[in-house]
């Protein structure tokens, strides 16, 4: 029987032998180490010493969590600008409004629902963002109801209320965008691993999905250890809940020798 910690990075699942995992922590506030490689995100104090933390995303060639967020927020802004323009067109030209009035169905609404921050300052901004975002989508219902009876009142409601709610939504979206670093930290987890020299190091991952206990026969072993970049090699593939999990043989904080 083998036990693995299953974790997710960029919609991909990975597993590591639980015997190599010392602890699972929230992502830590890190001190930058400018002389280290790009894969090292920083260091923090741990059990009376200092350990380095590497980015799993970096070592598999993916964008950092912060970079992903910084690309996502302008898209969310653009989507809601298009939403407002569609509502304005519906009122001005009396054409059907084909966007959603459900605040939970758009990309931003789904992200808000899936995001559970721990940092108090992030929580406060997210509460305001969620409140005004829900008001924004539901305000379209009032506008469309007015259109059926009094188009002039619909235009007035749009100009005096919806635009104001829209601006407040974008204001808090900009605020949370400016907190990308804190948002990334509160979303990620840090696995503390044992290294070969009996020390410890950390890896930042997106989320811990599960801890599984399986028979070795369930592992589809690769013919020989396969490299995944300069710091990781792969031992096997596991099918878990209908998804493929890449089982990591070992992770090194330093580049392996050629």
Protein backbone atom coordinates (compact mmCIF):
# COMPACT_ATOMS: atom_id res chain seq x y z
CA UNK A 1 0.00 0.00 0.00
CA UNK A 2 1.29 3.44 -0.98
CA UNK A 3 0.03 6.86 0.12
CA UNK A 4 0.25 10.02 -1.96
CA UNK A 5 -0.58 13.69 -1.51
CA UNK A 6 -2.48 14.73 -4.66
CA UNK A 7 -2.16 18.40 -5.57
CA UNK A 8 -3.21 20.65 -8.42
CA UNK A 9 -1.19 23.14 -10.44
CA UNK A 10 -2.71 24.90 -13.48
CA UNK A 11 -5.54 22.32 -13.82
CA UNK A 12 -3.00 19.48 -13.81
CA UNK A 13 -2.83 16.90 -11.03
CA UNK A 14 0.37 15.66 -9.45
CA UNK A 15 1.11 13.25 -6.64
CA UNK A 16 4.03 12.83 -4.27
CA UNK A 17 4.74 10.06 -1.79
CA UNK A 18 3.43 11.15 1.59
CA UNK A 19 6.67 9.92 3.17
CA UNK A 20 8.43 12.84 1.46
CA UNK A 21 5.97 15.40 2.84
CA UNK A 22 6.73 16.86 6.24
CA UNK A 23 3.84 19.33 6.52
CA UNK A 24 1.18 21.13 4.49
CA UNK A 25 0.96 24.86 5.24
CA UNK A 26 -0.82 27.90 3.87
CA UNK A 27 1.47 29.81 1.51
CA UNK A 28 3.89 31.80 3.64
CA UNK A 29 5.02 35.42 3.50
CA UNK A 30 8.42 35.09 1.84
CA UNK A 31 11.61 37.13 1.90
CA UNK A 32 13.01 37.44 -1.61
CA UNK A 33 16.40 35.92 -2.41
CA UNK A 34 17.74 37.87 -5.41
CA UNK A 35 20.86 35.72 -5.80
CA UNK A 36 18.83 32.52 -6.22
CA UNK A 37 17.39 31.10 -9.44
CA UNK A 38 13.99 32.14 -10.76
CA UNK A 39 12.46 28.93 -9.40
CA UNK A 40 13.09 30.09 -5.81
CA UNK A 41 10.25 32.36 -4.67
CA UNK A 42 11.90 33.24 -1.38
CA UNK A 43 12.52 31.98 2.14
CA UNK A 44 10.81 32.02 5.54
CA UNK A 45 11.60 31.01 9.11
CA UNK A 46 10.56 27.50 9.98
CA UNK A 47 11.21 25.44 13.12
CA UNK A 48 14.01 27.70 14.30
CA UNK A 49 15.73 27.88 10.93
CA UNK A 50 15.24 29.24 7.45
CA UNK A 51 14.04 27.24 4.46
CA UNK A 52 13.79 28.09 0.78
CA UNK A 53 10.54 27.83 -1.14
CA UNK A 54 10.40 26.96 -4.80
CA UNK A 55 7.55 27.58 -7.24
CA UNK A 56 6.18 24.35 -8.71
CA UNK A 57 4.65 26.41 -11.50
CA UNK A 58 8.03 27.81 -12.43
CA UNK A 59 9.82 24.47 -12.53
CA UNK A 60 7.23 22.99 -14.91
CA UNK A 61 7.37 26.07 -17.13
CA UNK A 62 4.04 27.67 -16.22
CA UNK A 63 3.15 31.25 -15.32
CA UNK A 64 3.24 32.23 -11.67
CA UNK A 65 -0.04 32.57 -9.80
CA UNK A 66 0.47 36.34 -9.66
CA UNK A 67 1.05 36.52 -13.43
CA UNK A 68 -2.09 34.47 -14.04
CA UNK A 69 -4.15 36.79 -11.84
CA UNK A 70 -2.71 39.92 -13.46
CA UNK A 71 -3.79 38.58 -16.85
CA UNK A 72 -7.21 37.49 -15.58
CA UNK A 73 -8.38 40.76 -14.00
CA UNK A 74 -8.27 42.90 -17.20
CA UNK A 75 -10.29 40.17 -18.95
CA UNK A 76 -12.92 40.32 -16.20
CA UNK A 77 -13.08 44.09 -16.56
CA UNK A 78 -13.47 43.82 -20.34
CA UNK A 79 -16.24 41.22 -19.99
CA UNK A 80 -18.27 43.49 -17.72
CA UNK A 81 -17.74 46.48 -19.98
CA UNK A 82 -19.22 44.38 -22.80
CA UNK A 83 -22.07 43.37 -20.47
CA UNK A 84 -22.94 47.02 -19.76
CA UNK A 85 -22.69 47.97 -23.44
CA UNK A 86 -25.08 45.13 -24.31
CA UNK A 87 -27.57 46.40 -21.72
CA UNK A 88 -27.27 49.95 -23.05
CA UNK A 89 -27.88 48.68 -26.60
CA UNK A 90 -30.91 46.75 -25.41
CA UNK A 91 -32.41 49.90 -23.88
CA UNK A 92 -31.47 52.30 -26.69
CA UNK A 93 -32.46 50.06 -29.60
CA UNK A 94 -35.13 47.94 -27.89
CA UNK A 95 -33.35 44.69 -28.78
CA UNK A 96 -33.17 41.54 -26.62
CA UNK A 97 -30.56 41.49 -23.85
CA UNK A 98 -28.60 38.26 -24.30
CA UNK A 99 -26.15 38.61 -21.41
CA UNK A 100 -26.74 36.98 -18.03
CA UNK A 101 -28.57 38.55 -15.13
CA UNK A 102 -27.24 35.79 -12.87
CA UNK A 103 -24.15 37.08 -10.97
CA UNK A 104 -22.92 33.53 -10.38
CA UNK A 105 -22.81 32.50 -14.05
CA UNK A 106 -20.11 34.83 -15.37
CA UNK A 107 -16.34 34.28 -15.07
CA UNK A 108 -16.02 36.80 -12.23
CA UNK A 109 -18.95 35.33 -10.32
CA UNK A 110 -17.55 31.82 -10.60
CA UNK A 111 -14.14 33.02 -9.44
CA UNK A 112 -15.63 34.84 -6.45
CA UNK A 113 -17.58 31.71 -5.47
CA UNK A 114 -14.47 29.51 -5.67
CA UNK A 115 -12.18 31.91 -3.80
CA UNK A 116 -11.98 31.62 0.00
CA UNK A 117 -9.31 34.06 1.22
CA UNK A 118 -7.78 34.02 4.67
CA UNK A 119 -6.13 37.47 4.69
CA UNK A 120 -8.46 39.98 6.39
CA UNK A 121 -7.66 42.83 3.99
CA UNK A 122 -8.44 40.59 0.99
CA UNK A 123 -11.65 39.34 2.65
CA UNK A 124 -12.83 42.93 3.14
CA UNK A 125 -12.31 43.91 -0.50
CA UNK A 126 -13.86 40.67 -1.73
CA UNK A 127 -17.02 41.29 0.32
CA UNK A 128 -17.47 44.67 -1.37
CA UNK A 129 -16.68 43.26 -4.80
CA UNK A 130 -19.16 40.40 -4.37
CA UNK A 131 -21.88 42.75 -3.09
CA UNK A 132 -21.65 45.25 -5.96
CA UNK A 133 -21.11 42.55 -8.58
CA UNK A 134 -24.34 40.83 -7.54
CA UNK A 135 -26.17 44.17 -7.55
CA UNK A 136 -24.84 44.90 -11.05
CA UNK A 137 -26.18 41.75 -12.68
CA UNK A 138 -29.50 41.95 -10.88
CA UNK A 139 -29.94 45.63 -11.76
CA UNK A 140 -30.42 44.48 -15.35
CA UNK A 141 -33.62 42.72 -14.26
CA UNK A 142 -35.07 46.06 -13.09
CA UNK A 143 -34.03 47.79 -16.31
CA UNK A 144 -35.59 45.09 -18.48
CA UNK A 145 -38.80 45.16 -16.43
CA UNK A 146 -39.04 48.93 -16.90
CA UNK A 147 -38.53 48.48 -20.65
CA UNK A 148 -41.77 46.53 -20.87
CA UNK A 149 -43.81 49.37 -19.39
CA UNK A 150 -41.87 52.63 -19.63
CA UNK A 151 -38.70 52.80 -21.81
CA UNK A 152 -37.96 56.32 -20.57
CA UNK A 153 -37.89 55.09 -16.96
CA UNK A 154 -35.64 52.22 -18.05
CA UNK A 155 -33.13 54.71 -19.49
CA UNK A 156 -33.29 56.80 -16.34
CA UNK A 157 -32.70 53.73 -14.12
CA UNK A 158 -29.80 52.68 -16.34
CA UNK A 159 -28.11 56.10 -16.22
CA UNK A 160 -28.76 56.88 -12.55
CA UNK A 161 -28.31 53.47 -10.96
CA UNK A 162 -26.68 50.82 -13.14
CA UNK A 163 -23.74 53.00 -14.17
CA UNK A 164 -23.04 53.85 -10.53
CA UNK A 165 -23.11 50.18 -9.52
CA UNK A 166 -20.88 49.33 -12.49
CA UNK A 167 -18.27 51.92 -11.43
CA UNK A 168 -18.25 50.59 -7.87
CA UNK A 169 -17.84 47.03 -9.14
CA UNK A 170 -14.86 48.05 -11.27
CA UNK A 171 -13.40 50.01 -8.36
CA UNK A 172 -13.28 46.94 -6.12
CA UNK A 173 -12.12 44.77 -9.02
CA UNK A 174 -9.18 47.18 -9.45
CA UNK A 175 -8.52 47.04 -5.69
CA UNK A 176 -8.34 43.24 -5.69
CA UNK A 177 -6.16 43.34 -8.83
CA UNK A 178 -3.70 45.59 -6.97
CA UNK A 179 -3.55 42.94 -4.24
CA UNK A 180 -2.54 40.14 -6.63
CA UNK A 181 0.39 39.12 -4.44
CA UNK A 182 -1.79 38.70 -1.35
CA UNK A 183 -4.50 36.98 -3.37
CA UNK A 184 -1.99 34.45 -4.72
CA UNK A 185 -0.63 33.80 -1.23
CA UNK A 186 -4.04 33.22 0.29
CA UNK A 187 -5.02 30.82 -2.51
CA UNK A 188 -1.90 28.66 -2.60
CA UNK A 189 -0.48 26.01 -0.28
CA UNK A 190 3.10 25.18 0.66
CA UNK A 191 4.30 21.60 0.93
CA UNK A 192 7.27 21.19 3.24
CA UNK A 193 9.37 18.35 1.85
CA UNK A 194 12.35 16.44 3.14
CA UNK A 195 15.46 16.85 1.00
CA UNK A 196 18.17 14.28 0.42
CA UNK A 197 20.47 15.91 3.00
CA UNK A 198 17.86 15.47 5.75
CA UNK A 199 16.94 19.13 5.64
CA UNK A 200 13.70 20.68 4.41
CA UNK A 201 12.49 22.93 1.63
CA UNK A 202 9.08 24.14 0.48
CA UNK A 203 7.19 24.10 -2.78
CA UNK A 204 4.29 26.41 -3.51
CA UNK A 205 1.39 24.66 -5.25
CA UNK A 206 -2.15 25.74 -6.15
CA UNK A 207 -4.28 23.43 -3.99
CA UNK A 208 -4.11 20.11 -2.18
CA UNK A 209 -6.81 17.90 -3.69
CA UNK A 210 -6.63 14.66 -1.71
CA UNK A 211 -4.55 12.13 0.17
CA UNK A 212 -4.96 8.69 -1.38
CA UNK A 213 -3.99 5.20 -0.29
CA UNK A 214 -3.55 2.77 -3.17
CA UNK A 215 -2.01 -0.52 -4.10
CA UNK A 216 1.22 -0.28 -6.10
CA UNK A 217 -0.48 -2.28 -8.85
CA UNK A 218 -2.70 0.75 -9.53
CA UNK A 219 0.33 2.77 -10.65
CA UNK A 220 1.16 2.79 -14.34
CA UNK A 221 4.92 3.03 -14.08
CA UNK A 222 6.91 4.70 -16.80
CA UNK A 223 9.62 2.51 -18.34
CA UNK A 224 12.36 4.70 -16.95
CA UNK A 225 12.37 7.86 -14.86
CA UNK A 226 11.34 10.82 -17.01
CA UNK A 227 12.58 14.34 -16.43
CA UNK A 228 10.10 17.17 -15.99
CA UNK A 229 12.45 20.11 -16.20
CA UNK A 230 15.67 20.38 -14.26
CA UNK A 231 14.27 19.76 -10.78
CA UNK A 232 11.67 16.99 -11.09
CA UNK A 233 11.45 13.49 -12.44
CA UNK A 234 8.38 11.32 -12.85
CA UNK A 235 7.86 7.75 -11.66
CA UNK A 236 4.34 6.79 -12.74
CA UNK A 237 0.84 7.79 -13.79
CA UNK A 238 -2.21 7.18 -11.61
CA UNK A 239 -5.86 7.32 -12.64
CA UNK A 240 -7.83 8.89 -9.79
CA UNK A 241 -11.53 9.80 -9.93
CA UNK A 242 -11.43 9.69 -13.71
CA UNK A 243 -8.42 12.01 -13.98
CA UNK A 244 -4.76 11.32 -14.67
CA UNK A 245 -2.29 12.15 -11.90
CA UNK A 246 1.44 12.48 -12.60
CA UNK A 247 3.31 10.79 -9.77
CA UNK A 248 6.53 12.62 -9.01
CA UNK A 249 9.47 10.42 -8.06
CA UNK A 250 11.49 13.23 -6.51
CA UNK A 251 11.79 17.00 -6.41
CA UNK A 252 15.11 18.73 -5.85
CA UNK A 253 15.60 22.32 -4.71
CA UNK A 254 18.81 22.37 -6.78
CA UNK A 255 19.36 21.48 -10.43
CA UNK A 256 20.26 17.88 -10.97
CA UNK A 257 23.73 17.18 -12.35
CA UNK A 258 23.87 16.67 -16.10
